[in-house]
Every structure is written in C-alpha cells, then in structure tokens.
PDB file of N, CA and C in Angstrom:
ATOM      1  N   MET A   1     -88.884 -58.508  22.785  1.00  0.00           N
ATOM      2  CA  MET A   1     -90.170 -58.017  21.767  1.00  0.00           C
ATOM      3  C   MET A   1     -90.314 -56.338  22.570  1.00  0.00           C
ATOM      4  N   LEU A   2     -90.589 -55.554  21.542  1.00  0.00           N
ATOM      5  CA  LEU A   2     -90.794 -54.017  22.050  1.00  0.00           C
ATOM      6  C   LEU A   2     -92.038 -53.647  21.505  1.00  0.00           C
ATOM      7  N   GLU A   3     -92.486 -52.604  22.330  1.00  0.00           N
ATOM      8  CA  GLU A   3     -93.593 -51.926  21.706  1.00  0.00           C
ATOM      9  C   GLU A   3     -93.798 -50.759  21.525  1.00  0.00           C
ATOM     10  N   ILE A   4     -94.228 -50.027  20.541  1.00  0.00           N
ATOM     11  CA  ILE A   4     -94.264 -48.498  20.421  1.00  0.00           C
ATOM     12  C   ILE A   4     -96.131 -48.297  20.483  1.00  0.00           C
ATOM     13  N   THR A   5     -96.077 -47.217  20.877  1.00  0.00           N
ATOM     14  CA  THR A   5     -97.384 -46.260  20.752  1.00  0.00           C
ATOM     15  C   THR A   5     -97.527 -45.296  20.652  1.00  0.00           C
ATOM     16  N   LYS A   6     -98.505 -45.011  19.289  1.00  0.00           N
ATOM     17  CA  LYS A   6     -98.852 -43.580  18.880  1.00  0.00           C
ATOM     18  C   LYS A   6    -100.111 -43.420  19.291  1.00  0.00           C
ATOM     19  N   SER A   7    -100.566 -41.725  19.604  1.00  0.00           N
ATOM     20  CA  SER A   7    -101.990 -41.879  19.971  1.00  0.00           C
ATOM     21  C   SER A   7    -102.162 -40.738  19.487  1.00  0.00           C
ATOM     22  N   PHE A   8    -103.612 -40.527  18.748  1.00  0.00           N
ATOM     23  CA  PHE A   8    -104.282 -39.532  18.028  1.00  0.00           C
ATOM     24  C   PHE A   8    -105.779 -39.254  18.678  1.00  0.00           C
ATOM     25  N   ALA A   9    -106.220 -37.731  18.787  1.00  0.00           N
ATOM     26  CA  ALA A   9    -107.506 -37.770  19.305  1.00  0.00           C
ATOM     27  C   ALA A   9    -108.515 -36.975  18.131  1.00  0.00           C
ATOM     28  N   PHE A  10    -109.582 -37.356  18.474  1.00  0.00           N
ATOM     29  CA  PHE A  10    -110.857 -36.833  17.387  1.00  0.00           C
ATOM     30  C   PHE A  10    -112.024 -37.036  18.287  1.00  0.00           C
ATOM     31  N   GLU A  11    -112.977 -35.790  17.517  1.00  0.00           N
ATOM     32  CA  GLU A  11    -114.185 -35.642  17.697  1.00  0.00           C
ATOM     33  C   GLU A  11    -115.098 -35.854  16.966  1.00  0.00           C
ATOM     34  N   ALA A  12    -115.933 -36.795  17.286  1.00  0.00           N
ATOM     35  CA  ALA A  12    -117.109 -37.593  16.194  1.00  0.00           C
ATOM     36  C   ALA A  12    -118.776 -37.371  17.449  1.00  0.00           C
ATOM     37  N   ALA A  13    -119.307 -37.616  16.067  1.00  0.00           N
ATOM     38  CA  ALA A  13    -121.319 -37.826  16.709  1.00  0.00           C
ATOM     39  C   ALA A  13    -121.603 -38.968  16.671  1.00  0.00           C
ATOM     40  N   HIS A  14    -122.534 -39.395  17.509  1.00  0.00           N
ATOM     41  CA  HIS A  14    -123.128 -40.729  16.834  1.00  0.00           C
ATOM     42  C   HIS A  14    -124.030 -40.758  17.765  1.00  0.00           C
ATOM     43  N   PHE A  15    -124.822 -42.166  17.248  1.00  0.00           N
ATOM     44  CA  PHE A  15    -126.297 -42.344  18.343  1.00  0.00           C
ATOM     45  C   PHE A  15    -125.974 -44.190  17.905  1.00  0.00           C
ATOM     46  N   GLN A  16    -126.578 -44.647  18.951  1.00  0.00           N
ATOM     47  CA  GLN A  16    -127.576 -46.089  18.850  1.00  0.00           C
ATOM     48  C   GLN A  16    -128.291 -46.702  18.273  1.00  0.00           C
ATOM     49  N   PRO A  17    -128.476 -47.031  17.050  1.00  0.00           N
ATOM     50  CA  PRO A  17    -129.621 -47.394  16.589  1.00  0.00           C
ATOM     51  C   PRO A  17    -130.842 -47.954  17.017  1.00  0.00           C
ATOM     52  N   ASN A  18    -130.108 -49.203  18.136  1.00  0.00           N
ATOM     53  CA  ASN A  18    -130.704 -50.140  18.683  1.00  0.00           C
ATOM     54  C   ASN A  18    -130.950 -49.684  19.919  1.00  0.00           C
ATOM     55  N   ALA A  19    -130.492 -48.824  20.356  1.00  0.00           N
ATOM     56  CA  ALA A  19    -131.016 -48.614  21.906  1.00  0.00           C
ATOM     57  C   ALA A  19    -132.544 -48.429  22.116  1.00  0.00           C
ATOM     58  N   PRO A  20    -133.096 -48.629  23.194  1.00  0.00           N
ATOM     59  CA  PRO A  20    -134.354 -48.260  23.754  1.00  0.00           C
ATOM     60  C   PRO A  20    -134.653 -46.835  23.385  1.00  0.00           C
ATOM     61  N   ALA A  21    -135.982 -47.332  23.017  1.00  0.00           N
ATOM     62  CA  ALA A  21    -136.543 -45.536  22.994  1.00  0.00           C
ATOM     63  C   ALA A  21    -136.575 -45.232  24.208  1.00  0.00           C
ATOM     64  N   GLY A  22    -135.956 -43.804  24.149  1.00  0.00           N
ATOM     65  CA  GLY A  22    -136.081 -42.633  24.929  1.00  0.00           C
ATOM     66  C   GLY A  22    -134.480 -42.487  26.151  1.00  0.00           C
ATOM     67  N   HIS A  23    -133.765 -43.738  25.532  1.00  0.00           N
ATOM     68  CA  HIS A  23    -132.368 -44.132  26.388  1.00  0.00           C
ATOM     69  C   HIS A  23    -131.525 -42.669  25.708  1.00  0.00           C
ATOM     70  N   PRO A  24    -130.442 -42.355  26.467  1.00  0.00           N
ATOM     71  CA  PRO A  24    -130.283 -41.257  25.969  1.00  0.00           C
ATOM     72  C   PRO A  24    -128.908 -41.402  24.554  1.00  0.00           C
ATOM     73  N   ASN A  25    -128.631 -42.793  24.519  1.00  0.00           N
ATOM     74  CA  ASN A  25    -127.492 -42.958  23.388  1.00  0.00           C
ATOM     75  C   ASN A  25    -128.151 -43.275  22.377  1.00  0.00           C
ATOM     76  N   ALA A  26    -129.827 -43.162  22.125  1.00  0.00           N
ATOM     77  CA  ALA A  26    -130.568 -43.584  21.099  1.00  0.00           C
ATOM     78  C   ALA A  26    -130.794 -41.992  20.389  1.00  0.00           C
ATOM     79  N   ARG A  27    -130.139 -41.408  21.142  1.00  0.00           N
ATOM     80  CA  ARG A  27    -130.283 -39.649  20.907  1.00  0.00           C
ATOM     81  C   ARG A  27    -128.902 -39.089  20.331  1.00  0.00           C
ATOM     82  N   LEU A  28    -128.817 -38.681  19.297  1.00  0.00           N
ATOM     83  CA  LEU A  28    -127.442 -37.370  18.522  1.00  0.00           C
ATOM     84  C   LEU A  28    -126.497 -37.433  19.811  1.00  0.00           C
ATOM     85  N   HIS A  29    -125.085 -37.619  19.707  1.00  0.00           N
ATOM     86  CA  HIS A  29    -124.407 -37.316  21.061  1.00  0.00           C
ATOM     87  C   HIS A  29    -123.168 -37.180  20.377  1.00  0.00           C
ATOM     88  N   GLY A  30    -122.205 -36.513  21.050  1.00  0.00           N
ATOM     89  CA  GLY A  30    -121.049 -36.472  20.260  1.00  0.00           C
ATOM     90  C   GLY A  30    -119.398 -36.686  21.442  1.00  0.00           C
ATOM     91  N   HIS A  31    -118.540 -37.335  20.912  1.00  0.00           N
ATOM     92  CA  HIS A  31    -117.413 -37.376  22.366  1.00  0.00           C
ATOM     93  C   HIS A  31    -116.186 -37.055  21.671  1.00  0.00           C
ATOM     94  N   SER A  32    -115.399 -36.263  22.763  1.00  0.00           N
ATOM     95  CA  SER A  32    -113.711 -36.652  22.249  1.00  0.00           C
ATOM     96  C   SER A  32    -113.178 -37.939  22.483  1.00  0.00           C
ATOM     97  N   PHE A  33    -112.443 -38.319  21.515  1.00  0.00           N
ATOM     98  CA  PHE A  33    -111.872 -39.961  21.602  1.00  0.00           C
ATOM     99  C   PHE A  33    -110.641 -39.660  21.804  1.00  0.00           C
ATOM    100  N   LEU A  34    -109.914 -40.282  22.102  1.00  0.00           N
ATOM    101  CA  LEU A  34    -108.640 -40.560  21.991  1.00  0.00           C
ATOM    102  C   LEU A  34    -108.283 -42.192  21.756  1.00  0.00           C
ATOM    103  N   ALA A  35    -107.541 -42.558  20.485  1.00  0.00           N
ATOM    104  CA  ALA A  35    -106.821 -43.773  20.400  1.00  0.00           C
ATOM    105  C   ALA A  35    -105.785 -43.728  19.994  1.00  0.00           C
ATOM    106  N   GLU A  36    -105.094 -45.109  20.593  1.00  0.00           N
ATOM    107  CA  GLU A  36    -104.001 -45.295  21.085  1.00  0.00           C
ATOM    108  C   GLU A  36    -103.704 -46.487  20.434  1.00  0.00           C
ATOM    109  N   VAL A  37    -102.801 -46.594  19.470  1.00  0.00           N
ATOM    110  CA  VAL A  37    -102.096 -47.332  17.871  1.00  0.00           C
ATOM    111  C   VAL A  37    -100.879 -48.081  18.592  1.00  0.00           C
ATOM    112  N   THR A  38    -100.641 -49.594  19.051  1.00  0.00           N
ATOM    113  CA  THR A  38     -99.526 -50.075  19.302  1.00  0.00           C
ATOM    114  C   THR A  38     -99.006 -51.363  18.376  1.00  0.00           C
ATOM    115  N   LEU A  39     -97.664 -51.210  17.998  1.00  0.00           N
ATOM    116  CA  LEU A  39     -97.050 -52.054  17.116  1.00  0.00           C
ATOM    117  C   LEU A  39     -95.758 -52.380  17.748  1.00  0.00           C
ATOM    118  N   ALA A  40     -95.411 -53.840  17.461  1.00  0.00           N
ATOM    119  CA  ALA A  40     -94.769 -54.541  18.648  1.00  0.00           C
ATOM    120  C   ALA A  40     -93.411 -55.266  17.194  1.00  0.00           C
ATOM    121  N   GLY A  41     -92.696 -55.390  17.683  1.00  0.00           N
ATOM    122  CA  GLY A  41     -91.459 -56.346  16.859  1.00  0.00           C
ATOM    123  C   GLY A  41     -90.329 -56.274  17.520  1.00  0.00           C
ATOM    124  N   ALA A  42     -89.410 -56.614  16.808  1.00  0.00           N
ATOM    125  CA  ALA A  42     -87.645 -56.271  17.510  1.00  0.00           C
ATOM    126  C   ALA A  42     -87.557 -54.808  16.142  1.00  0.00           C
ATOM    127  N   PRO A  43     -86.896 -54.406  16.919  1.00  0.00           N
ATOM    128  CA  PRO A  43     -85.990 -53.384  15.841  1.00  0.00           C
ATOM    129  C   PRO A  43     -84.943 -53.999  15.116  1.00  0.00           C
ATOM    130  N   ASP A  44     -85.471 -53.452  13.810  1.00  0.00           N
ATOM    131  CA  ASP A  44     -84.832 -53.259  13.062  1.00  0.00           C
ATOM    132  C   ASP A  44     -82.970 -53.079  13.034  1.00  0.00           C
ATOM    133  N   PRO A  45     -82.005 -54.145  12.886  1.00  0.00           N
ATOM    134  CA  PRO A  45     -80.813 -53.686  13.301  1.00  0.00           C
ATOM    135  C   PRO A  45     -80.196 -52.652  12.797  1.00  0.00           C
ATOM    136  N   VAL A  46     -80.709 -52.157  11.537  1.00  0.00           N
ATOM    137  CA  VAL A  46     -79.952 -50.928  10.792  1.00  0.00           C
ATOM    138  C   VAL A  46     -80.601 -49.706  11.296  1.00  0.00           C
ATOM    139  N   HIS A  47     -81.696 -49.550  11.396  1.00  0.00           N
ATOM    140  CA  HIS A  47     -82.361 -48.580  12.219  1.00  0.00           C
ATOM    141  C   HIS A  47     -82.413 -48.367  13.234  1.00  0.00           C
ATOM    142  N   GLY A  48     -82.509 -49.508  14.108  1.00  0.00           N
ATOM    143  CA  GLY A  48     -83.289 -49.428  15.550  1.00  0.00           C
ATOM    144  C   GLY A  48     -84.735 -49.228  16.024  1.00  0.00           C
ATOM    145  N   MET A  49     -85.259 -48.987  14.738  1.00  0.00           N
ATOM    146  CA  MET A  49     -86.814 -49.147  14.993  1.00  0.00           C
ATOM    147  C   MET A  49     -87.748 -49.928  14.848  1.00  0.00           C
ATOM    148  N   ILE A  50     -88.782 -50.237  15.184  1.00  0.00           N
ATOM    149  CA  ILE A  50     -89.573 -51.132  15.035  1.00  0.00           C
ATOM    150  C   ILE A  50     -90.696 -50.628  13.802  1.00  0.00           C
ATOM    151  N   ARG A  51     -90.596 -49.449  13.648  1.00  0.00           N
ATOM    152  CA  ARG A  51     -91.267 -48.988  12.496  1.00  0.00           C
ATOM    153  C   ARG A  51     -90.995 -47.293  12.291  1.00  0.00           C
ATOM    154  N   ASN A  52     -90.528 -46.239  11.713  1.00  0.00           N
ATOM    155  CA  ASN A  52     -90.598 -45.441  11.558  1.00  0.00           C
ATOM    156  C   ASN A  52     -91.709 -44.798  12.265  1.00  0.00           C
ATOM    157  N   LEU A  53     -91.592 -43.578  12.917  1.00  0.00           N
ATOM    158  CA  LEU A  53     -92.652 -43.136  13.632  1.00  0.00           C
ATOM    159  C   LEU A  53     -93.682 -41.907  12.334  1.00  0.00           C
ATOM    160  N   ASP A  54     -92.747 -41.565  11.265  1.00  0.00           N
ATOM    161  CA  ASP A  54     -93.474 -40.694  10.479  1.00  0.00           C
ATOM    162  C   ASP A  54     -94.126 -41.685   9.540  1.00  0.00           C
ATOM    163  N   ASP A  55     -93.566 -42.922   9.555  1.00  0.00           N
ATOM    164  CA  ASP A  55     -94.888 -43.923   8.800  1.00  0.00           C
ATOM    165  C   ASP A  55     -96.509 -44.161   9.356  1.00  0.00           C
ATOM    166  N   VAL A  56     -96.005 -44.275  10.790  1.00  0.00           N
ATOM    167  CA  VAL A  56     -96.789 -44.516  11.500  1.00  0.00           C
ATOM    168  C   VAL A  56     -98.133 -43.080  11.232  1.00  0.00           C
ATOM    169  N   GLU A  57     -97.262 -41.994  11.864  1.00  0.00           N
ATOM    170  CA  GLU A  57     -97.948 -40.886  11.738  1.00  0.00           C
ATOM    171  C   GLU A  57     -98.946 -40.831  10.322  1.00  0.00           C
ATOM    172  N   ALA A  58     -98.319 -41.057   9.103  1.00  0.00           N
ATOM    173  CA  ALA A  58     -99.284 -40.977   8.146  1.00  0.00           C
ATOM    174  C   ALA A  58    -100.504 -41.802   7.999  1.00  0.00           C
ATOM    175  N   ALA A  59    -100.256 -42.849   8.072  1.00  0.00           N
ATOM    176  CA  ALA A  59    -101.409 -44.279   8.825  1.00  0.00           C
ATOM    177  C   ALA A  59    -102.332 -43.368   9.195  1.00  0.00           C
ATOM    178  N   LEU A  60    -102.152 -43.077  10.500  1.00  0.00           N
ATOM    179  CA  LEU A  60    -103.120 -42.330  11.560  1.00  0.00           C
ATOM    180  C   LEU A  60    -103.854 -41.471  10.679  1.00  0.00           C
ATOM    181  N   ARG A  61    -103.037 -40.310  10.087  1.00  0.00           N
ATOM    182  CA  ARG A  61    -103.812 -39.247   9.533  1.00  0.00           C
ATOM    183  C   ARG A  61    -104.837 -39.831   8.751  1.00  0.00           C
ATOM    184  N   GLU A  62    -104.521 -40.890   8.128  1.00  0.00           N
ATOM    185  CA  GLU A  62    -105.891 -41.260   6.919  1.00  0.00           C
ATOM    186  C   GLU A  62    -107.242 -41.186   7.600  1.00  0.00           C
ATOM    187  N   VAL A  63    -106.799 -42.421   8.813  1.00  0.00           N
ATOM    188  CA  VAL A  63    -107.489 -42.628   9.703  1.00  0.00           C
ATOM    189  C   VAL A  63    -108.360 -41.981  10.294  1.00  0.00           C
ATOM    190  N   ARG A  64    -107.791 -40.847  11.274  1.00  0.00           N
ATOM    191  CA  ARG A  64    -108.321 -39.689  12.240  1.00  0.00           C
ATOM    192  C   ARG A  64    -109.204 -38.936  11.022  1.00  0.00           C
ATOM    193  N   GLU A  65    -108.809 -38.189   9.551  1.00  0.00           N
ATOM    194  CA  GLU A  65    -109.441 -37.549   8.364  1.00  0.00           C
ATOM    195  C   GLU A  65    -110.615 -38.454   8.292  1.00  0.00           C
ATOM    196  N   ALA A  66    -110.903 -39.305   8.340  1.00  0.00           N
ATOM    197  CA  ALA A  66    -112.151 -40.463   8.342  1.00  0.00           C
ATOM    198  C   ALA A  66    -113.123 -40.512   9.063  1.00  0.00           C
ATOM    199  N   LEU A  67    -112.507 -40.254  10.611  1.00  0.00           N
ATOM    200  CA  LEU A  67    -113.610 -40.100  11.491  1.00  0.00           C
ATOM    201  C   LEU A  67    -113.980 -38.857  12.085  1.00  0.00           C
ATOM    202  N   ASP A  68    -113.076 -37.755  12.062  1.00  0.00           N
ATOM    203  CA  ASP A  68    -112.736 -36.474  13.040  1.00  0.00           C
ATOM    204  C   ASP A  68    -113.941 -35.882  12.404  1.00  0.00           C
ATOM    205  N   HIS A  69    -114.982 -35.301  13.351  1.00  0.00           N
ATOM    206  CA  HIS A  69    -116.051 -34.277  12.781  1.00  0.00           C
ATOM    207  C   HIS A  69    -116.610 -34.668  12.065  1.00  0.00           C
ATOM    208  N   ARG A  70    -117.100 -36.095  12.326  1.00  0.00           N
ATOM    209  CA  ARG A  70    -117.712 -37.089  11.250  1.00  0.00           C
ATOM    210  C   ARG A  70    -119.458 -37.718  11.921  1.00  0.00           C
ATOM    211  N   LEU A  71    -120.143 -37.638  11.505  1.00  0.00           N
ATOM    212  CA  LEU A  71    -121.101 -38.722  11.848  1.00  0.00           C
ATOM    213  C   LEU A  71    -120.799 -40.057  11.879  1.00  0.00           C
ATOM    214  N   LEU A  72    -120.399 -40.838  12.946  1.00  0.00           N
ATOM    215  CA  LEU A  72    -120.173 -42.112  12.989  1.00  0.00           C
ATOM    216  C   LEU A  72    -120.982 -42.841  12.138  1.00  0.00           C
ATOM    217  N   ASN A  73    -122.076 -42.721  12.292  1.00  0.00           N
ATOM    218  CA  ASN A  73    -123.013 -43.751  11.777  1.00  0.00           C
ATOM    219  C   ASN A  73    -123.086 -44.174  10.281  1.00  0.00           C
ATOM    220  N   GLU A  74    -122.832 -42.893   9.812  1.00  0.00           N
ATOM    221  CA  GLU A  74    -122.664 -42.304   8.385  1.00  0.00           C
ATOM    222  C   GLU A  74    -121.046 -43.012   7.945  1.00  0.00           C
ATOM    223  N   VAL A  75    -120.239 -43.659   8.529  1.00  0.00           N
ATOM    224  CA  VAL A  75    -118.654 -43.945   7.884  1.00  0.00           C
ATOM    225  C   VAL A  75    -119.278 -45.060   7.849  1.00  0.00           C
ATOM    226  N   GLU A  76    -118.723 -45.919   6.620  1.00  0.00           N
ATOM    227  CA  GLU A  76    -118.770 -47.398   5.930  1.00  0.00           C
ATOM    228  C   GLU A  76    -118.614 -48.273   6.752  1.00  0.00           C
ATOM    229  N   GLY A  77    -119.307 -49.382   7.711  1.00  0.00           N
ATOM    230  CA  GLY A  77    -118.580 -50.077   8.654  1.00  0.00           C
ATOM    231  C   GLY A  77    -118.943 -49.633   9.831  1.00  0.00           C
ATOM    232  N   LEU A  78    -119.505 -48.642  10.196  1.00  0.00           N
ATOM    233  CA  LEU A  78    -119.242 -48.065  11.474  1.00  0.00           C
ATOM    234  C   LEU A  78    -121.220 -47.768  11.889  1.00  0.00           C
ATOM    235  N   GLU A  79    -121.569 -48.331  10.986  1.00  0.00           N
ATOM    236  CA  GLU A  79    -122.906 -48.260  10.780  1.00  0.00           C
ATOM    237  C   GLU A  79    -123.918 -48.415  12.834  1.00  0.00           C
ATOM    238  N   LYS A  80    -123.450 -49.049  13.220  1.00  0.00           N
ATOM    239  CA  LYS A  80    -123.203 -49.396  14.878  1.00  0.00           C
ATOM    240  C   LYS A  80    -122.493 -48.813  15.320  1.00  0.00           C
ATOM    241  N   PRO A  81    -121.788 -47.508  16.020  1.00  0.00           N
ATOM    242  CA  PRO A  81    -120.882 -47.245  16.307  1.00  0.00           C
ATOM    243  C   PRO A  81    -120.486 -47.565  17.910  1.00  0.00           C
ATOM    244  N   THR A  82    -120.231 -49.049  18.104  1.00  0.00           N
ATOM    245  CA  THR A  82    -120.062 -48.674  20.064  1.00  0.00           C
ATOM    246  C   THR A  82    -118.557 -48.479  19.658  1.00  0.00           C
ATOM    247  N   MET A  83    -118.136 -48.423  20.572  1.00  0.00           N
ATOM    248  CA  MET A  83    -116.695 -48.185  20.997  1.00  0.00           C
ATOM    249  C   MET A  83    -115.880 -49.300  20.447  1.00  0.00           C
ATOM    250  N   GLU A  84    -116.384 -50.707  20.865  1.00  0.00           N
ATOM    251  CA  GLU A  84    -116.163 -51.873  20.407  1.00  0.00           C
ATOM    252  C   GLU A  84    -115.567 -52.043  18.882  1.00  0.00           C
ATOM    253  N   SER A  85    -117.148 -51.817  18.036  1.00  0.00           N
ATOM    254  CA  SER A  85    -116.772 -51.499  17.092  1.00  0.00           C
ATOM    255  C   SER A  85    -116.010 -50.463  15.965  1.00  0.00           C
ATOM    256  N   LEU A  86    -115.968 -49.366  16.675  1.00  0.00           N
ATOM    257  CA  LEU A  86    -115.095 -48.412  16.277  1.00  0.00           C
ATOM    258  C   LEU A  86    -113.708 -48.957  16.567  1.00  0.00           C
ATOM    259  N   THR A  87    -112.794 -49.544  17.920  1.00  0.00           N
ATOM    260  CA  THR A  87    -111.813 -50.083  18.010  1.00  0.00           C
ATOM    261  C   THR A  87    -111.129 -51.216  16.666  1.00  0.00           C
ATOM    262  N   VAL A  88    -112.458 -52.214  16.198  1.00  0.00           N
ATOM    263  CA  VAL A  88    -112.402 -53.280  15.655  1.00  0.00           C
ATOM    264  C   VAL A  88    -112.218 -52.682  14.211  1.00  0.00           C
ATOM    265  N   TRP A  89    -113.000 -51.693  13.836  1.00  0.00           N
ATOM    266  CA  TRP A  89    -112.656 -51.098  12.645  1.00  0.00           C
ATOM    267  C   TRP A  89    -111.329 -50.207  12.294  1.00  0.00           C
ATOM    268  N   ILE A  90    -110.929 -49.137  13.341  1.00  0.00           N
ATOM    269  CA  ILE A  90    -109.562 -48.840  12.975  1.00  0.00           C
ATOM    270  C   ILE A  90    -108.245 -49.904  13.013  1.00  0.00           C
ATOM    271  N   PHE A  91    -108.503 -50.753  13.745  1.00  0.00           N
ATOM    272  CA  PHE A  91    -107.309 -52.036  14.026  1.00  0.00           C
ATOM    273  C   PHE A  91    -107.528 -52.643  12.091  1.00  0.00           C
ATOM    274  N   ALA A  92    -108.935 -52.800  11.126  1.00  0.00           N
ATOM    275  CA  ALA A  92    -108.917 -53.467  10.109  1.00  0.00           C
ATOM    276  C   ALA A  92    -108.079 -52.437   9.385  1.00  0.00           C
ATOM    277  N   ARG A  93    -108.287 -51.366   9.271  1.00  0.00           N
ATOM    278  CA  ARG A  93    -107.993 -49.977   8.324  1.00  0.00           C
ATOM    279  C   ARG A  93    -106.688 -49.910   8.977  1.00  0.00           C
ATOM    280  N   LEU A  94    -106.237 -50.055   9.372  1.00  0.00           N
ATOM    281  CA  LEU A  94    -105.001 -49.862   9.688  1.00  0.00           C
ATOM    282  C   LEU A  94    -103.464 -51.044   9.579  1.00  0.00           C
ATOM    283  N   LYS A  95    -103.993 -52.044   9.656  1.00  0.00           N
ATOM    284  CA  LYS A  95    -103.372 -53.677   9.285  1.00  0.00           C
ATOM    285  C   LYS A  95    -102.985 -53.582   8.508  1.00  0.00           C
ATOM    286  N   PRO A  96    -102.976 -53.030   7.432  1.00  0.00           N
ATOM    287  CA  PRO A  96    -102.343 -53.550   5.848  1.00  0.00           C
ATOM    288  C   PRO A  96    -101.274 -52.706   5.759  1.00  0.00           C
ATOM    289  N   THR A  97    -101.308 -51.542   6.579  1.00  0.00           N
ATOM    290  CA  THR A  97    -100.484 -50.597   5.789  1.00  0.00           C
ATOM    291  C   THR A  97     -99.325 -50.640   7.130  1.00  0.00           C
ATOM    292  N   LEU A  98    -100.173 -51.064   8.554  1.00  0.00           N
ATOM    293  CA  LEU A  98     -99.150 -51.234   9.758  1.00  0.00           C
ATOM    294  C   LEU A  98     -98.874 -52.979  10.215  1.00  0.00           C
ATOM    295  N   PRO A  99     -98.383 -53.675   9.402  1.00  0.00           N
ATOM    296  CA  PRO A  99     -98.100 -55.195   9.608  1.00  0.00           C
ATOM    297  C   PRO A  99     -97.926 -55.337  11.184  1.00  0.00           C
ATOM    298  N   GLU A 100     -97.091 -54.447  11.568  1.00  0.00           N
ATOM    299  CA  GLU A 100     -96.551 -54.726  12.928  1.00  0.00           C
ATOM    300  C   GLU A 100     -97.760 -54.448  14.510  1.00  0.00           C
ATOM    301  N   LEU A 101     -99.067 -53.967  13.786  1.00  0.00           N
ATOM    302  CA  LEU A 101     -99.943 -54.044  14.586  1.00  0.00           C
ATOM    303  C   LEU A 101    -100.463 -54.522  15.250  1.00  0.00           C
ATOM    304  N   VAL A 102    -100.195 -54.662  16.626  1.00  0.00           N
ATOM    305  CA  VAL A 102    -100.926 -55.290  17.865  1.00  0.00           C
ATOM    306  C   VAL A 102    -101.993 -55.011  18.517  1.00  0.00           C
ATOM    307  N   ALA A 103    -102.534 -53.883  18.181  1.00  0.00           N
ATOM    308  CA  ALA A 103    -103.683 -53.288  19.365  1.00  0.00           C
ATOM    309  C   ALA A 103    -104.049 -51.959  19.521  1.00  0.00           C
ATOM    310  N   VAL A 104    -105.279 -51.617  19.476  1.00  0.00           N
ATOM    311  CA  VAL A 104    -106.161 -50.219  19.312  1.00  0.00           C
ATOM    312  C   VAL A 104    -106.992 -50.654  20.401  1.00  0.00           C
ATOM    313  N   THR A 105    -106.374 -49.358  21.416  1.00  0.00           N
ATOM    314  CA  THR A 105    -107.330 -48.895  22.225  1.00  0.00           C
ATOM    315  C   THR A 105    -107.984 -47.506  22.041  1.00  0.00           C
ATOM    316  N   ILE A 106    -109.329 -47.227  22.405  1.00  0.00           N
ATOM    317  CA  ILE A 106    -110.235 -46.268  22.082  1.00  0.00           C
ATOM    318  C   ILE A 106    -110.343 -45.704  23.462  1.00  0.00           C
ATOM    319  N   ARG A 107    -110.153 -44.613  23.611  1.00  0.00           N
ATOM    320  CA  ARG A 107    -110.730 -43.824  25.177  1.00  0.00           C
ATOM    321  C   ARG A 107    -111.864 -42.629  24.628  1.00  0.00           C
ATOM    322  N   ARG A 108    -112.541 -42.648  25.706  1.00  0.00           N
ATOM    323  CA  ARG A 108    -113.851 -41.524  26.242  1.00  0.00           C
ATOM    324  C   ARG A 108    -113.090 -41.061  27.379  1.00  0.00           C
ATOM    325  N   PRO A 109    -112.410 -40.376  27.678  1.00  0.00           N
ATOM    326  CA  PRO A 109    -111.613 -39.777  28.590  1.00  0.00           C
ATOM    327  C   PRO A 109    -112.627 -39.543  29.874  1.00  0.00           C
ATOM    328  N   SER A 110    -113.612 -38.358  29.186  1.00  0.00           N
ATOM    329  CA  SER A 110    -114.431 -37.709  29.949  1.00  0.00           C
ATOM    330  C   SER A 110    -115.254 -38.467  30.607  1.00  0.00           C
ATOM    331  N   LEU A 111    -115.454 -39.943  30.113  1.00  0.00           N
ATOM    332  CA  LEU A 111    -116.627 -40.949  31.254  1.00  0.00           C
ATOM    333  C   LEU A 111    -115.696 -41.744  31.563  1.00  0.00           C
ATOM    334  N   GLY A 112    -114.460 -41.426  31.366  1.00  0.00           N
ATOM    335  CA  GLY A 112    -113.989 -42.705  32.468  1.00  0.00           C
ATOM    336  C   GLY A 112    -113.775 -44.344  31.509  1.00  0.00           C
ATOM    337  N   GLN A 113    -114.004 -44.460  30.142  1.00  0.00           N
ATOM    338  CA  GLN A 113    -114.256 -45.644  29.360  1.00  0.00           C
ATOM    339  C   GLN A 113    -113.443 -45.704  28.440  1.00  0.00           C
ATOM    340  N   SER A 114    -113.028 -47.545  27.814  1.00  0.00           N
ATOM    341  CA  SER A 114    -112.233 -47.705  27.081  1.00  0.00           C
ATOM    342  C   SER A 114    -112.001 -49.004  26.615  1.00  0.00           C
ATOM    343  N   CYS A 115    -111.719 -48.973  25.597  1.00  0.00           N
ATOM    344  CA  CYS A 115    -111.851 -50.411  25.077  1.00  0.00           C
ATOM    345  C   CYS A 115    -110.861 -50.741  24.293  1.00  0.00           C
ATOM    346  N   THR A 116    -110.352 -52.035  24.280  1.00  0.00           N
ATOM    347  CA  THR A 116    -108.956 -52.354  23.522  1.00  0.00           C
ATOM    348  C   THR A 116    -108.954 -53.666  22.810  1.00  0.00           C
ATOM    349  N   TYR A 117    -108.649 -53.848  21.475  1.00  0.00           N
ATOM    350  CA  TYR A 117    -108.645 -54.718  20.234  1.00  0.00           C
ATOM    351  C   TYR A 117    -107.653 -55.508  20.513  1.00  0.00           C
ATOM    352  N   ARG A 118    -106.995 -56.742  20.461  1.00  0.00           N
ATOM    353  CA  ARG A 118    -105.458 -57.401  20.617  1.00  0.00           C
ATOM    354  C   ARG A 118    -105.912 -58.171  19.294  1.00  0.00           C
ATOM    355  N   SER A 119    -105.078 -58.330  18.593  1.00  0.00           N
ATOM    356  CA  SER A 119    -104.969 -59.192  17.355  1.00  0.00           C
ATOM    357  C   SER A 119    -104.547 -60.847  18.356  1.00  0.00           C
ATOM    358  N   ALA A 120    -105.090 -61.746  17.924  1.00  0.00           N
ATOM    359  CA  ALA A 120    -104.664 -63.325  18.435  1.00  0.00           C
ATOM    360  C   ALA A 120    -103.568 -63.507  18.386  1.00  0.00           C
TER     361      ALA A 120
END
C-alpha cells in the first residue's frame, strides 16, 4: 500500500457563532490555510500510479475555488467553520471524485495548528 499527498493553500475568513461574547473568535477574522489530501492504494500495473495527479489537481481546484477568499460561514455545510468541520467538509466533497482518498489535513501554519480526518 502506498500513499500520495497533494496540498493546496487558500485564504478565508470566518467567525465562530457559538464563541462566548467578547471572545476573539466571535469576531470576523481570517487565516491562511493549507490543506493536504492523501490517497492510498496499490499502483495501477499499467500506469504505475495510485491516481494521476492531474485528476487530483482538478478535484482540488474545485474545492479550493469554493473556499478561497470566502466567508466560510456562508459556504453551505460550513455554517460553524471550525478546523474540524472544514476537514470533514473537504473529505466529503472529494471522496466521490477520488475514491482512493484516505485523509485530509487542514493546517493553520501561523498558529501551529492542524486537524486530520481519516476514513475508518
């Protein structure tokens, strides 16, 4: 079993609607995000690849366009845009197109934070 990982960056704003009054996360603020998408499987015997990275790039482009320079609270399914919900949202969005998908990691490098969702 091998894994390949492709990453993409995006900038987005959000706020946490359930944060306590006065908490900084209750206010609108933004982050630079880095998403890492991992596929696993045995390489195809003809092509020698788990998945053509051009196919992966095309799927990621659609997700990136849905998130980049957006208010995440306004993206359907991300009304409570935590790192956790964002990670699951990306996984769910990509899995139908990339059945080899096994994990999505979201990083906020400036804060030293990350969250990973792995399929069971």
